[in-house]
């Protein structure tokens, strides 16, 4: 980011942060391809959002290191997908028809999505607890960054805390 007021502007590594305001899937597709790591925040509904599924599938197709992170916050319960989820995905019961079309326009099939999600959940998800103390958050973030292969946890942690308003 070239904006000097952005909390991540002084980071040596490029950081792409997906937000709900992104509307061009081609840009998301390209940003994921250029990434070394992709941290997936496992929140309810993440596996039913077609743009998130695009990111996961593209990351797997391009050998991007995927780091699943479970957000641990009261009232926010993520359930790891089981065989029933995958059966419903294959039958087309998980996504709307327009969502499947969106995936198809990006060259992604439901088989690609299933394979990518299964690959993500071969890993143990790391916790992140935004409501816990700064020491706990810092330790959790350090573990996430280790999985990403980054040793610069302190500056990134401070920038993360600023951007998240913590």
N, C-alpha and C. Protein backbone atom coordinates (compact mmCIF):
# COMPACT_ATOMS: atom_id res chain seq x y z
N UNK A 1 0.85 -1.18 0.00
CA UNK A 1 0.00 0.00 0.00
C UNK A 1 0.89 1.23 0.00
N UNK A 2 0.63 2.14 -0.90
CA UNK A 2 1.43 3.36 -1.00
C UNK A 2 0.91 4.49 -0.13
N UNK A 3 -0.21 4.31 0.51
CA UNK A 3 -0.80 5.33 1.37
C UNK A 3 -0.02 5.36 2.69
N UNK A 4 0.70 6.46 2.99
CA UNK A 4 1.52 6.50 4.21
C UNK A 4 0.69 6.43 5.49
N UNK A 5 -0.60 6.68 5.43
CA UNK A 5 -1.43 6.60 6.63
C UNK A 5 -1.95 5.19 6.88
N UNK A 6 -1.77 4.28 5.89
CA UNK A 6 -2.26 2.91 6.04
C UNK A 6 -1.40 2.18 7.06
N UNK A 7 -2.03 1.41 7.98
CA UNK A 7 -1.25 0.75 9.03
C UNK A 7 -0.22 -0.26 8.53
N UNK A 8 -0.37 -0.77 7.32
CA UNK A 8 0.57 -1.75 6.80
C UNK A 8 1.55 -1.15 5.79
N UNK A 9 1.60 0.18 5.67
CA UNK A 9 2.40 0.81 4.61
C UNK A 9 3.89 0.54 4.76
N UNK A 10 4.38 0.29 5.96
CA UNK A 10 5.82 0.10 6.15
C UNK A 10 6.24 -1.37 6.12
N UNK A 11 5.35 -2.26 5.76
CA UNK A 11 5.69 -3.68 5.71
C UNK A 11 6.46 -3.97 4.43
N UNK A 12 7.50 -4.81 4.54
CA UNK A 12 8.28 -5.18 3.37
C UNK A 12 7.49 -6.12 2.46
N UNK A 13 6.70 -7.02 3.08
CA UNK A 13 5.91 -7.95 2.29
C UNK A 13 4.59 -7.28 1.91
N UNK A 14 4.13 -7.61 0.71
CA UNK A 14 2.82 -7.12 0.29
C UNK A 14 1.75 -7.86 1.07
N UNK A 15 0.76 -7.14 1.52
CA UNK A 15 -0.34 -7.73 2.27
C UNK A 15 -1.63 -7.37 1.55
N UNK A 16 -2.36 -8.40 1.14
CA UNK A 16 -3.64 -8.21 0.49
C UNK A 16 -4.71 -8.54 1.52
N UNK A 17 -5.59 -7.61 1.77
CA UNK A 17 -6.66 -7.83 2.73
C UNK A 17 -7.97 -7.79 1.96
N UNK A 18 -8.65 -8.93 1.94
CA UNK A 18 -9.93 -9.01 1.27
C UNK A 18 -10.98 -8.34 2.15
N UNK A 19 -11.86 -7.62 1.52
CA UNK A 19 -12.94 -6.96 2.25
C UNK A 19 -14.22 -7.12 1.47
N UNK A 20 -15.33 -6.82 2.12
CA UNK A 20 -16.62 -6.92 1.45
C UNK A 20 -16.78 -5.85 0.37
N UNK A 21 -15.91 -4.83 0.37
CA UNK A 21 -16.05 -3.76 -0.62
C UNK A 21 -15.41 -4.11 -1.96
N UNK A 22 -14.71 -5.24 -2.04
CA UNK A 22 -14.12 -5.64 -3.31
C UNK A 22 -15.21 -6.18 -4.22
N UNK A 23 -15.23 -5.73 -5.46
CA UNK A 23 -16.28 -6.18 -6.37
C UNK A 23 -15.73 -6.85 -7.63
N UNK A 24 -14.45 -6.75 -7.89
CA UNK A 24 -13.87 -7.31 -9.09
C UNK A 24 -13.17 -8.63 -8.74
N UNK A 25 -13.81 -9.74 -9.08
CA UNK A 25 -13.23 -11.04 -8.77
C UNK A 25 -11.92 -11.28 -9.50
N UNK A 26 -11.75 -10.70 -10.67
CA UNK A 26 -10.51 -10.87 -11.42
C UNK A 26 -9.34 -10.31 -10.60
N UNK A 27 -9.54 -9.15 -9.96
CA UNK A 27 -8.49 -8.57 -9.12
C UNK A 27 -8.20 -9.47 -7.93
N UNK A 28 -9.24 -10.04 -7.33
CA UNK A 28 -9.05 -10.95 -6.20
C UNK A 28 -8.28 -12.18 -6.67
N UNK A 29 -8.69 -12.73 -7.80
CA UNK A 29 -8.04 -13.90 -8.38
C UNK A 29 -6.54 -13.64 -8.56
N UNK A 30 -6.21 -12.50 -9.15
CA UNK A 30 -4.81 -12.15 -9.41
C UNK A 30 -4.04 -11.88 -8.11
N UNK A 31 -4.68 -11.23 -7.14
CA UNK A 31 -4.02 -10.95 -5.87
C UNK A 31 -3.69 -12.25 -5.13
N UNK A 32 -4.61 -13.21 -5.16
CA UNK A 32 -4.36 -14.50 -4.51
C UNK A 32 -3.22 -15.23 -5.21
N UNK A 33 -3.21 -15.21 -6.55
CA UNK A 33 -2.13 -15.87 -7.30
C UNK A 33 -0.77 -15.33 -6.93
N UNK A 34 -0.67 -14.03 -6.68
CA UNK A 34 0.61 -13.39 -6.36
C UNK A 34 1.00 -13.56 -4.89
N UNK A 35 0.13 -14.12 -4.09
CA UNK A 35 0.37 -14.22 -2.65
C UNK A 35 1.25 -15.43 -2.32
N UNK A 36 1.99 -15.29 -1.25
CA UNK A 36 2.75 -16.42 -0.71
C UNK A 36 1.91 -17.19 0.30
N UNK A 37 1.06 -16.47 1.01
CA UNK A 37 0.22 -17.05 2.06
C UNK A 37 -1.19 -16.52 1.94
N UNK A 38 -2.14 -17.34 2.36
CA UNK A 38 -3.51 -16.89 2.46
C UNK A 38 -4.04 -17.35 3.81
N UNK A 39 -4.41 -16.39 4.64
CA UNK A 39 -4.99 -16.70 5.94
C UNK A 39 -6.50 -16.68 5.76
N UNK A 40 -7.13 -17.79 6.08
CA UNK A 40 -8.59 -17.90 5.98
C UNK A 40 -9.15 -17.78 7.39
N UNK A 41 -9.97 -16.76 7.61
CA UNK A 41 -10.64 -16.61 8.90
C UNK A 41 -11.90 -17.47 8.88
N UNK A 42 -11.88 -18.53 9.66
CA UNK A 42 -12.98 -19.49 9.68
C UNK A 42 -14.10 -18.94 10.56
N UNK A 43 -15.07 -18.37 9.90
CA UNK A 43 -16.24 -17.80 10.55
C UNK A 43 -17.48 -18.46 9.95
N UNK A 44 -18.60 -18.45 10.65
CA UNK A 44 -19.81 -19.04 10.08
C UNK A 44 -20.12 -18.42 8.71
N UNK A 45 -20.41 -19.25 7.75
CA UNK A 45 -20.78 -18.75 6.43
C UNK A 45 -19.63 -18.60 5.45
N UNK A 46 -18.39 -18.67 5.91
CA UNK A 46 -17.25 -18.44 5.01
C UNK A 46 -17.26 -19.43 3.84
N UNK A 47 -17.73 -20.65 4.09
CA UNK A 47 -17.72 -21.67 3.03
C UNK A 47 -18.96 -21.61 2.15
N UNK A 48 -19.81 -20.63 2.38
CA UNK A 48 -20.98 -20.44 1.51
C UNK A 48 -20.86 -19.14 0.72
N UNK A 49 -19.76 -18.42 0.88
CA UNK A 49 -19.53 -17.17 0.14
C UNK A 49 -18.72 -17.49 -1.12
N UNK A 50 -19.30 -17.28 -2.29
CA UNK A 50 -18.61 -17.71 -3.51
C UNK A 50 -17.26 -17.03 -3.72
N UNK A 51 -17.11 -15.78 -3.35
CA UNK A 51 -15.82 -15.11 -3.56
C UNK A 51 -14.76 -15.70 -2.63
N UNK A 52 -15.16 -16.16 -1.45
CA UNK A 52 -14.21 -16.83 -0.55
C UNK A 52 -13.80 -18.18 -1.14
N UNK A 53 -14.76 -18.87 -1.74
CA UNK A 53 -14.46 -20.16 -2.37
C UNK A 53 -13.53 -19.98 -3.56
N UNK A 54 -13.72 -18.89 -4.32
CA UNK A 54 -12.80 -18.58 -5.42
C UNK A 54 -11.39 -18.42 -4.87
N UNK A 55 -11.25 -17.63 -3.81
CA UNK A 55 -9.93 -17.39 -3.22
C UNK A 55 -9.28 -18.69 -2.76
N UNK A 56 -10.04 -19.54 -2.09
CA UNK A 56 -9.50 -20.80 -1.58
C UNK A 56 -9.06 -21.69 -2.74
N UNK A 57 -9.92 -21.84 -3.74
CA UNK A 57 -9.59 -22.70 -4.89
C UNK A 57 -8.39 -22.16 -5.66
N UNK A 58 -8.36 -20.85 -5.89
CA UNK A 58 -7.23 -20.25 -6.63
C UNK A 58 -5.94 -20.43 -5.84
N UNK A 59 -6.00 -20.24 -4.53
CA UNK A 59 -4.80 -20.42 -3.70
C UNK A 59 -4.26 -21.85 -3.84
N UNK A 60 -5.15 -22.82 -3.79
CA UNK A 60 -4.71 -24.22 -3.91
C UNK A 60 -4.14 -24.48 -5.31
N UNK A 61 -4.79 -23.95 -6.34
CA UNK A 61 -4.32 -24.16 -7.72
C UNK A 61 -2.92 -23.58 -7.95
N UNK A 62 -2.59 -22.53 -7.20
CA UNK A 62 -1.31 -21.84 -7.41
C UNK A 62 -0.32 -22.06 -6.27
N UNK A 63 -0.54 -23.12 -5.51
CA UNK A 63 0.38 -23.51 -4.43
C UNK A 63 0.64 -22.40 -3.42
N UNK A 64 -0.38 -21.62 -3.12
CA UNK A 64 -0.28 -20.59 -2.08
C UNK A 64 -0.45 -21.30 -0.74
N UNK A 65 0.40 -20.98 0.21
CA UNK A 65 0.29 -21.55 1.55
C UNK A 65 -1.00 -21.06 2.20
N UNK A 66 -1.88 -21.99 2.54
CA UNK A 66 -3.16 -21.63 3.15
C UNK A 66 -3.08 -21.88 4.65
N UNK A 67 -3.42 -20.85 5.43
CA UNK A 67 -3.37 -20.93 6.89
C UNK A 67 -4.78 -20.71 7.43
N UNK A 68 -5.44 -21.79 7.87
CA UNK A 68 -6.78 -21.62 8.45
C UNK A 68 -6.69 -21.11 9.89
N UNK A 69 -7.48 -20.09 10.18
CA UNK A 69 -7.50 -19.48 11.51
C UNK A 69 -8.95 -19.44 12.00
N UNK A 70 -9.17 -20.03 13.15
CA UNK A 70 -10.51 -20.00 13.75
C UNK A 70 -10.61 -18.78 14.65
N UNK A 71 -11.56 -17.92 14.35
CA UNK A 71 -11.82 -16.77 15.21
C UNK A 71 -12.57 -17.28 16.43
N UNK A 72 -12.01 -17.07 17.59
CA UNK A 72 -12.63 -17.54 18.82
C UNK A 72 -13.21 -16.35 19.57
N UNK A 73 -14.52 -16.24 19.45
CA UNK A 73 -15.22 -15.14 20.09
C UNK A 73 -16.57 -15.67 20.52
N UNK A 74 -17.05 -15.30 21.70
CA UNK A 74 -18.36 -15.79 22.14
C UNK A 74 -19.44 -15.48 21.10
N UNK A 75 -20.25 -16.50 20.81
CA UNK A 75 -21.33 -16.34 19.85
C UNK A 75 -20.92 -16.56 18.41
N UNK A 76 -19.65 -16.82 18.16
CA UNK A 76 -19.16 -17.02 16.80
C UNK A 76 -18.63 -18.45 16.71
N UNK A 77 -19.48 -19.37 16.30
CA UNK A 77 -19.12 -20.78 16.29
C UNK A 77 -19.00 -21.30 14.86
N UNK A 78 -17.80 -21.66 14.48
CA UNK A 78 -17.55 -22.24 13.16
C UNK A 78 -17.56 -23.75 13.29
N UNK A 79 -18.29 -24.42 12.40
CA UNK A 79 -18.32 -25.88 12.38
C UNK A 79 -17.52 -26.36 11.18
N UNK A 80 -16.51 -27.16 11.43
CA UNK A 80 -15.72 -27.71 10.33
C UNK A 80 -16.62 -28.57 9.46
N UNK A 81 -16.41 -28.53 8.15
CA UNK A 81 -17.29 -29.30 7.26
C UNK A 81 -17.09 -30.80 7.42
N UNK A 82 -18.20 -31.49 7.42
CA UNK A 82 -18.18 -32.95 7.47
C UNK A 82 -18.64 -33.51 6.14
N UNK A 83 -18.79 -34.82 6.08
CA UNK A 83 -19.19 -35.46 4.82
C UNK A 83 -20.55 -34.99 4.33
N UNK A 84 -21.46 -34.64 5.25
CA UNK A 84 -22.76 -34.13 4.84
C UNK A 84 -22.60 -32.80 4.08
N UNK A 85 -21.71 -31.94 4.54
CA UNK A 85 -21.44 -30.68 3.85
C UNK A 85 -20.95 -30.95 2.42
N UNK A 86 -19.99 -31.87 2.28
CA UNK A 86 -19.44 -32.16 0.96
C UNK A 86 -20.49 -32.79 0.04
N UNK A 87 -21.36 -33.64 0.59
CA UNK A 87 -22.43 -34.23 -0.21
C UNK A 87 -23.37 -33.14 -0.71
N UNK A 88 -23.76 -32.22 0.19
CA UNK A 88 -24.65 -31.12 -0.20
C UNK A 88 -23.97 -30.20 -1.21
N UNK A 89 -22.67 -29.99 -1.08
CA UNK A 89 -21.92 -29.17 -2.04
C UNK A 89 -21.97 -29.81 -3.42
N UNK A 90 -21.67 -31.12 -3.49
CA UNK A 90 -21.68 -31.83 -4.77
C UNK A 90 -23.07 -31.83 -5.41
N UNK A 91 -24.11 -31.88 -4.58
CA UNK A 91 -25.50 -31.90 -5.10
C UNK A 91 -25.99 -30.50 -5.46
N UNK A 92 -25.23 -29.49 -5.13
CA UNK A 92 -25.64 -28.13 -5.44
C UNK A 92 -26.57 -27.52 -4.41
N UNK A 93 -26.63 -28.12 -3.22
CA UNK A 93 -27.54 -27.63 -2.18
C UNK A 93 -26.92 -26.58 -1.26
N UNK A 94 -25.63 -26.33 -1.41
CA UNK A 94 -24.93 -25.39 -0.52
C UNK A 94 -24.90 -23.98 -1.09
N UNK A 95 -24.85 -23.88 -2.40
CA UNK A 95 -24.71 -22.57 -3.06
C UNK A 95 -25.92 -22.29 -3.94
N UNK A 96 -26.18 -21.02 -4.16
CA UNK A 96 -27.23 -20.60 -5.08
C UNK A 96 -26.74 -20.81 -6.51
N UNK A 97 -27.66 -20.90 -7.46
CA UNK A 97 -27.31 -21.12 -8.87
C UNK A 97 -26.39 -20.00 -9.37
N UNK A 98 -26.66 -18.75 -8.97
CA UNK A 98 -25.81 -17.63 -9.39
C UNK A 98 -24.39 -17.76 -8.83
N UNK A 99 -24.28 -18.33 -7.63
CA UNK A 99 -22.95 -18.53 -7.04
C UNK A 99 -22.15 -19.55 -7.84
N UNK A 100 -22.83 -20.64 -8.27
CA UNK A 100 -22.16 -21.67 -9.07
C UNK A 100 -21.74 -21.08 -10.41
N UNK A 101 -22.57 -20.22 -11.00
CA UNK A 101 -22.22 -19.55 -12.25
C UNK A 101 -21.00 -18.66 -12.07
N UNK A 102 -20.96 -17.94 -10.95
CA UNK A 102 -19.82 -17.08 -10.65
C UNK A 102 -18.54 -17.91 -10.59
N UNK A 103 -18.59 -19.03 -9.88
CA UNK A 103 -17.43 -19.92 -9.81
C UNK A 103 -17.02 -20.38 -11.21
N UNK A 104 -18.01 -20.76 -11.99
CA UNK A 104 -17.74 -21.26 -13.34
C UNK A 104 -17.08 -20.19 -14.21
N UNK A 105 -17.53 -18.95 -14.08
CA UNK A 105 -16.90 -17.85 -14.86
C UNK A 105 -15.43 -17.69 -14.49
N UNK A 106 -15.08 -18.08 -13.27
CA UNK A 106 -13.69 -18.00 -12.82
C UNK A 106 -12.92 -19.29 -13.13
N UNK A 107 -13.57 -20.23 -13.82
CA UNK A 107 -12.91 -21.47 -14.19
C UNK A 107 -12.83 -22.47 -13.05
N UNK A 108 -13.75 -22.35 -12.09
CA UNK A 108 -13.72 -23.20 -10.89
C UNK A 108 -14.99 -24.04 -10.84
N UNK A 109 -14.81 -25.35 -10.70
CA UNK A 109 -15.93 -26.28 -10.60
C UNK A 109 -16.23 -26.58 -9.13
N UNK A 110 -17.37 -27.21 -8.89
CA UNK A 110 -17.68 -27.64 -7.52
C UNK A 110 -16.69 -28.71 -7.05
N UNK A 111 -16.19 -29.51 -7.98
CA UNK A 111 -15.15 -30.49 -7.61
C UNK A 111 -13.88 -29.77 -7.15
N UNK A 112 -13.52 -28.67 -7.84
CA UNK A 112 -12.36 -27.87 -7.42
C UNK A 112 -12.57 -27.32 -6.02
N UNK A 113 -13.77 -26.82 -5.77
CA UNK A 113 -14.09 -26.24 -4.46
C UNK A 113 -14.00 -27.31 -3.38
N UNK A 114 -14.59 -28.47 -3.64
CA UNK A 114 -14.54 -29.55 -2.65
C UNK A 114 -13.10 -29.95 -2.35
N UNK A 115 -12.31 -30.13 -3.39
CA UNK A 115 -10.91 -30.54 -3.20
C UNK A 115 -10.15 -29.47 -2.39
N UNK A 116 -10.39 -28.21 -2.70
CA UNK A 116 -9.69 -27.12 -2.00
C UNK A 116 -10.09 -27.07 -0.53
N UNK A 117 -11.37 -27.18 -0.26
CA UNK A 117 -11.82 -27.14 1.14
C UNK A 117 -11.27 -28.34 1.91
N UNK A 118 -11.32 -29.50 1.30
CA UNK A 118 -10.76 -30.69 1.98
C UNK A 118 -9.28 -30.49 2.28
N UNK A 119 -8.56 -29.89 1.36
CA UNK A 119 -7.12 -29.63 1.56
C UNK A 119 -6.90 -28.67 2.74
N UNK A 120 -7.71 -27.63 2.82
CA UNK A 120 -7.60 -26.67 3.93
C UNK A 120 -7.75 -27.38 5.26
N UNK A 121 -8.71 -28.30 5.34
CA UNK A 121 -9.00 -28.93 6.63
C UNK A 121 -8.16 -30.17 6.91
N UNK A 122 -7.12 -30.38 6.11
CA UNK A 122 -6.10 -31.35 6.48
C UNK A 122 -5.16 -30.74 7.52
N UNK A 123 -5.19 -29.42 7.63
CA UNK A 123 -4.36 -28.70 8.59
C UNK A 123 -5.14 -28.44 9.88
N UNK A 124 -4.42 -28.29 10.94
CA UNK A 124 -5.04 -27.87 12.20
C UNK A 124 -5.19 -26.36 12.15
N UNK A 125 -6.41 -25.89 12.35
CA UNK A 125 -6.66 -24.44 12.34
C UNK A 125 -6.06 -23.81 13.59
N UNK A 126 -5.47 -22.66 13.41
CA UNK A 126 -4.90 -21.92 14.53
C UNK A 126 -5.95 -20.99 15.12
N UNK A 127 -5.91 -20.73 16.42
CA UNK A 127 -6.90 -19.84 17.02
C UNK A 127 -6.47 -18.38 16.94
N UNK A 128 -7.44 -17.48 16.88
CA UNK A 128 -7.22 -16.07 17.12
C UNK A 128 -8.41 -15.56 17.91
N UNK A 129 -8.12 -14.93 19.04
CA UNK A 129 -9.14 -14.50 20.00
C UNK A 129 -9.12 -12.99 20.15
N UNK A 130 -9.88 -12.25 19.31
CA UNK A 130 -9.81 -10.79 19.35
C UNK A 130 -10.28 -10.16 20.66
N UNK A 131 -11.03 -10.91 21.45
CA UNK A 131 -11.56 -10.36 22.72
C UNK A 131 -10.62 -10.61 23.90
N UNK A 132 -9.56 -11.38 23.69
CA UNK A 132 -8.65 -11.73 24.78
C UNK A 132 -7.61 -10.62 24.98
N UNK A 133 -6.76 -10.80 25.94
CA UNK A 133 -5.75 -9.79 26.27
C UNK A 133 -4.74 -9.63 25.14
N UNK A 134 -4.04 -8.50 25.15
CA UNK A 134 -3.03 -8.23 24.13
C UNK A 134 -1.96 -9.32 24.11
N UNK A 135 -1.57 -9.82 25.28
CA UNK A 135 -0.55 -10.87 25.33
C UNK A 135 -1.01 -12.15 24.64
N UNK A 136 -2.27 -12.52 24.85
CA UNK A 136 -2.81 -13.72 24.21
C UNK A 136 -2.90 -13.50 22.71
N UNK A 137 -3.43 -12.34 22.31
CA UNK A 137 -3.53 -12.05 20.88
C UNK A 137 -2.17 -12.06 20.22
N UNK A 138 -1.19 -11.49 20.87
CA UNK A 138 0.16 -11.44 20.31
C UNK A 138 0.73 -12.85 20.15
N UNK A 139 0.53 -13.70 21.14
CA UNK A 139 1.02 -15.08 21.05
C UNK A 139 0.32 -15.83 19.92
N UNK A 140 -0.99 -15.63 19.79
CA UNK A 140 -1.73 -16.30 18.73
C UNK A 140 -1.29 -15.80 17.36
N UNK A 141 -1.11 -14.49 17.24
CA UNK A 141 -0.67 -13.93 15.97
C UNK A 141 0.74 -14.40 15.62
N UNK A 142 1.59 -14.51 16.61
CA UNK A 142 2.94 -15.02 16.37
C UNK A 142 2.88 -16.43 15.78
N UNK A 143 1.98 -17.28 16.30
CA UNK A 143 1.82 -18.64 15.77
C UNK A 143 1.32 -18.61 14.32
N UNK A 144 0.38 -17.71 14.04
CA UNK A 144 -0.14 -17.57 12.68
C UNK A 144 0.98 -17.15 11.74
N UNK A 145 1.76 -16.18 12.14
CA UNK A 145 2.86 -15.70 11.29
C UNK A 145 3.94 -16.76 11.11
N UNK A 146 4.17 -17.59 12.11
CA UNK A 146 5.12 -18.69 11.95
C UNK A 146 4.64 -19.63 10.87
N UNK A 147 3.33 -19.93 10.87
CA UNK A 147 2.77 -20.81 9.85
C UNK A 147 2.91 -20.17 8.47
N UNK A 148 2.92 -18.84 8.44
CA UNK A 148 3.11 -18.12 7.18
C UNK A 148 4.59 -18.00 6.81
N UNK A 149 5.46 -18.41 7.72
CA UNK A 149 6.89 -18.32 7.45
C UNK A 149 7.47 -16.95 7.70
N UNK A 150 6.77 -16.11 8.49
CA UNK A 150 7.25 -14.75 8.78
C UNK A 150 7.82 -14.69 10.18
N UNK A 151 8.95 -14.01 10.31
CA UNK A 151 9.54 -13.84 11.64
C UNK A 151 9.31 -12.44 12.19
N UNK A 152 8.75 -11.55 11.39
CA UNK A 152 8.54 -10.17 11.82
C UNK A 152 7.23 -9.95 12.54
N UNK A 153 6.95 -10.77 13.54
CA UNK A 153 5.65 -10.75 14.20
C UNK A 153 5.35 -9.42 14.90
N UNK A 154 6.31 -8.83 15.58
CA UNK A 154 6.01 -7.64 16.38
C UNK A 154 5.52 -6.46 15.55
N UNK A 155 6.24 -6.04 14.49
CA UNK A 155 5.74 -4.91 13.71
C UNK A 155 4.40 -5.21 13.04
N UNK A 156 4.23 -6.43 12.54
CA UNK A 156 2.97 -6.77 11.89
C UNK A 156 1.86 -6.81 12.92
N UNK A 157 2.14 -7.35 14.11
CA UNK A 157 1.14 -7.40 15.17
C UNK A 157 0.67 -5.99 15.53
N UNK A 158 1.62 -5.07 15.69
CA UNK A 158 1.26 -3.70 16.05
C UNK A 158 0.42 -3.06 14.95
N UNK A 159 0.77 -3.29 13.69
CA UNK A 159 -0.01 -2.77 12.58
C UNK A 159 -1.39 -3.39 12.54
N UNK A 160 -1.47 -4.70 12.78
CA UNK A 160 -2.75 -5.40 12.81
C UNK A 160 -3.65 -4.82 13.90
N UNK A 161 -3.09 -4.63 15.06
CA UNK A 161 -3.87 -4.09 16.17
C UNK A 161 -4.40 -2.68 15.83
N UNK A 162 -3.57 -1.87 15.19
CA UNK A 162 -4.01 -0.52 14.81
C UNK A 162 -5.15 -0.60 13.81
N UNK A 163 -5.00 -1.45 12.80
CA UNK A 163 -6.02 -1.51 11.75
C UNK A 163 -7.31 -2.12 12.27
N UNK A 164 -7.21 -3.01 13.25
CA UNK A 164 -8.40 -3.66 13.80
C UNK A 164 -9.01 -2.84 14.94
N UNK A 165 -8.37 -1.75 15.30
CA UNK A 165 -8.89 -0.92 16.39
C UNK A 165 -8.81 -1.59 17.74
N UNK A 166 -7.81 -2.46 17.93
CA UNK A 166 -7.68 -3.21 19.19
C UNK A 166 -6.82 -2.45 20.18
